[in-house]
Amino acid sequence: MSYVISDECISCGACESECPTGAISEGSDKYVIDPGKCTECGACGDVCPVGAAKQA
């Protein structure tokens, strides 16, 4: 199951640069993950300072 970014996101962008598949992009109020590109590697969850990137 792919990762998702919860409402706890502070839009710091740390996750976007860590994603090896480019699945993360800046949304209107938080970053979002394209489930079709997510490989469930967990890199985004490892770098998120507030724990907003979680496995769905």
N, C-alpha and C. Protein backbone atom coordinates (compact mmCIF):
# COMPACT_ATOMS: atom_id res chain seq x y z
N MET A 1 0.85 -1.18 0.00
CA MET A 1 0.00 0.00 0.00
C MET A 1 0.89 1.24 0.00
N SER A 2 0.58 2.19 -0.83
CA SER A 2 1.43 3.37 -0.98
C SER A 2 1.37 4.28 0.25
N TYR A 3 2.33 5.17 0.31
CA TYR A 3 2.38 6.15 1.39
C TYR A 3 1.45 7.32 1.07
N VAL A 4 0.99 7.99 2.12
CA VAL A 4 0.17 9.18 1.99
C VAL A 4 0.74 10.24 2.93
N ILE A 5 0.40 11.48 2.67
CA ILE A 5 0.84 12.58 3.54
C ILE A 5 -0.39 13.13 4.23
N SER A 6 -0.36 13.09 5.56
CA SER A 6 -1.50 13.50 6.36
C SER A 6 -1.57 15.02 6.53
N ASP A 7 -2.62 15.47 7.18
CA ASP A 7 -2.82 16.90 7.41
C ASP A 7 -1.78 17.50 8.36
N GLU A 8 -0.96 16.68 8.99
CA GLU A 8 0.11 17.19 9.86
C GLU A 8 1.24 17.82 9.06
N CYS A 9 1.23 17.66 7.73
CA CYS A 9 2.28 18.18 6.85
C CYS A 9 2.47 19.69 7.07
N ILE A 10 3.74 20.09 7.23
CA ILE A 10 4.06 21.50 7.42
C ILE A 10 4.66 22.11 6.15
N SER A 11 4.57 21.39 5.04
CA SER A 11 5.05 21.84 3.73
C SER A 11 6.51 22.25 3.72
N CYS A 12 7.35 21.48 4.41
CA CYS A 12 8.78 21.80 4.45
C CYS A 12 9.50 21.33 3.19
N GLY A 13 8.95 20.31 2.51
CA GLY A 13 9.55 19.82 1.28
C GLY A 13 10.64 18.77 1.44
N ALA A 14 10.93 18.37 2.66
CA ALA A 14 11.99 17.38 2.89
C ALA A 14 11.72 16.07 2.16
N CYS A 15 10.48 15.67 2.10
CA CYS A 15 10.11 14.40 1.49
C CYS A 15 10.27 14.41 -0.03
N GLU A 16 9.96 15.53 -0.65
CA GLU A 16 9.99 15.60 -2.11
C GLU A 16 11.36 15.27 -2.67
N SER A 17 12.40 15.83 -2.09
CA SER A 17 13.74 15.60 -2.61
C SER A 17 14.26 14.19 -2.30
N GLU A 18 13.69 13.52 -1.32
CA GLU A 18 14.12 12.17 -0.95
C GLU A 18 13.46 11.09 -1.77
N CYS A 19 12.35 11.38 -2.43
CA CYS A 19 11.60 10.37 -3.17
C CYS A 19 12.36 9.94 -4.43
N PRO A 20 12.76 8.67 -4.52
CA PRO A 20 13.54 8.22 -5.67
C PRO A 20 12.74 8.10 -6.97
N THR A 21 11.42 8.09 -6.87
CA THR A 21 10.59 7.93 -8.07
C THR A 21 9.87 9.20 -8.47
N GLY A 22 10.07 10.29 -7.74
CA GLY A 22 9.40 11.55 -8.07
C GLY A 22 7.91 11.52 -7.84
N ALA A 23 7.47 10.71 -6.88
CA ALA A 23 6.04 10.56 -6.61
C ALA A 23 5.46 11.69 -5.77
N ILE A 24 6.31 12.52 -5.18
CA ILE A 24 5.84 13.56 -4.27
C ILE A 24 5.92 14.93 -4.94
N SER A 25 4.83 15.68 -4.79
CA SER A 25 4.80 17.03 -5.35
C SER A 25 4.07 17.96 -4.38
N GLU A 26 4.30 19.24 -4.57
CA GLU A 26 3.67 20.23 -3.70
C GLU A 26 2.22 20.42 -4.11
N GLY A 27 1.32 20.25 -3.15
CA GLY A 27 -0.10 20.47 -3.40
C GLY A 27 -0.50 21.87 -2.96
N SER A 28 -1.79 22.13 -2.92
CA SER A 28 -2.26 23.47 -2.56
C SER A 28 -2.06 23.80 -1.09
N ASP A 29 -2.18 22.81 -0.20
CA ASP A 29 -1.99 23.08 1.23
C ASP A 29 -1.04 22.12 1.92
N LYS A 30 -0.60 21.09 1.21
CA LYS A 30 0.38 20.14 1.74
C LYS A 30 0.97 19.37 0.56
N TYR A 31 2.02 18.64 0.80
CA TYR A 31 2.61 17.81 -0.25
C TYR A 31 1.72 16.59 -0.46
N VAL A 32 1.75 16.05 -1.67
CA VAL A 32 0.92 14.89 -2.01
C VAL A 32 1.78 13.83 -2.69
N ILE A 33 1.35 12.57 -2.55
CA ILE A 33 2.05 11.45 -3.13
C ILE A 33 1.18 10.81 -4.20
N ASP A 34 1.74 10.62 -5.38
CA ASP A 34 1.05 9.94 -6.47
C ASP A 34 1.15 8.44 -6.20
N PRO A 35 0.03 7.78 -5.89
CA PRO A 35 0.08 6.36 -5.54
C PRO A 35 0.55 5.48 -6.70
N GLY A 36 0.40 5.94 -7.93
CA GLY A 36 0.87 5.18 -9.07
C GLY A 36 2.38 5.16 -9.22
N LYS A 37 3.05 6.14 -8.62
CA LYS A 37 4.51 6.22 -8.68
C LYS A 37 5.18 5.74 -7.40
N CYS A 38 4.45 5.68 -6.30
CA CYS A 38 5.02 5.30 -5.01
C CYS A 38 5.41 3.83 -5.01
N THR A 39 6.65 3.54 -4.59
CA THR A 39 7.14 2.17 -4.52
C THR A 39 7.20 1.67 -3.07
N GLU A 40 6.65 2.43 -2.15
CA GLU A 40 6.58 2.06 -0.74
C GLU A 40 7.96 1.89 -0.11
N CYS A 41 8.93 2.69 -0.56
CA CYS A 41 10.29 2.56 -0.03
C CYS A 41 10.43 3.12 1.38
N GLY A 42 9.57 4.08 1.74
CA GLY A 42 9.62 4.65 3.08
C GLY A 42 10.58 5.81 3.27
N ALA A 43 11.25 6.24 2.20
CA ALA A 43 12.21 7.34 2.32
C ALA A 43 11.54 8.60 2.82
N CYS A 44 10.33 8.87 2.37
CA CYS A 44 9.60 10.07 2.79
C CYS A 44 9.29 10.04 4.28
N GLY A 45 8.88 8.89 4.76
CA GLY A 45 8.58 8.76 6.18
C GLY A 45 9.80 8.91 7.06
N ASP A 46 10.95 8.47 6.55
CA ASP A 46 12.19 8.56 7.32
C ASP A 46 12.66 10.00 7.51
N VAL A 47 12.37 10.89 6.55
CA VAL A 47 12.87 12.26 6.64
C VAL A 47 11.84 13.27 7.13
N CYS A 48 10.58 12.88 7.20
CA CYS A 48 9.54 13.85 7.61
C CYS A 48 9.72 14.23 9.09
N PRO A 49 9.90 15.53 9.37
CA PRO A 49 10.15 15.94 10.74
C PRO A 49 8.91 15.88 11.65
N VAL A 50 7.74 15.77 11.06
CA VAL A 50 6.52 15.72 11.88
C VAL A 50 5.76 14.40 11.73
N GLY A 51 6.32 13.46 11.00
CA GLY A 51 5.68 12.15 10.82
C GLY A 51 4.43 12.16 9.98
N ALA A 52 4.34 13.09 9.03
CA ALA A 52 3.14 13.20 8.21
C ALA A 52 3.09 12.18 7.07
N ALA A 53 4.23 11.67 6.64
CA ALA A 53 4.27 10.67 5.57
C ALA A 53 4.14 9.29 6.20
N LYS A 54 3.04 8.62 5.89
CA LYS A 54 2.73 7.34 6.52
C LYS A 54 2.22 6.36 5.48
N GLN A 55 2.42 5.08 5.77
CA GLN A 55 1.87 4.06 4.88
C GLN A 55 0.36 4.02 5.05
N ALA A 56 -0.36 4.04 3.94
CA ALA A 56 -1.82 4.06 3.97
C ALA A 56 -2.40 2.72 4.40
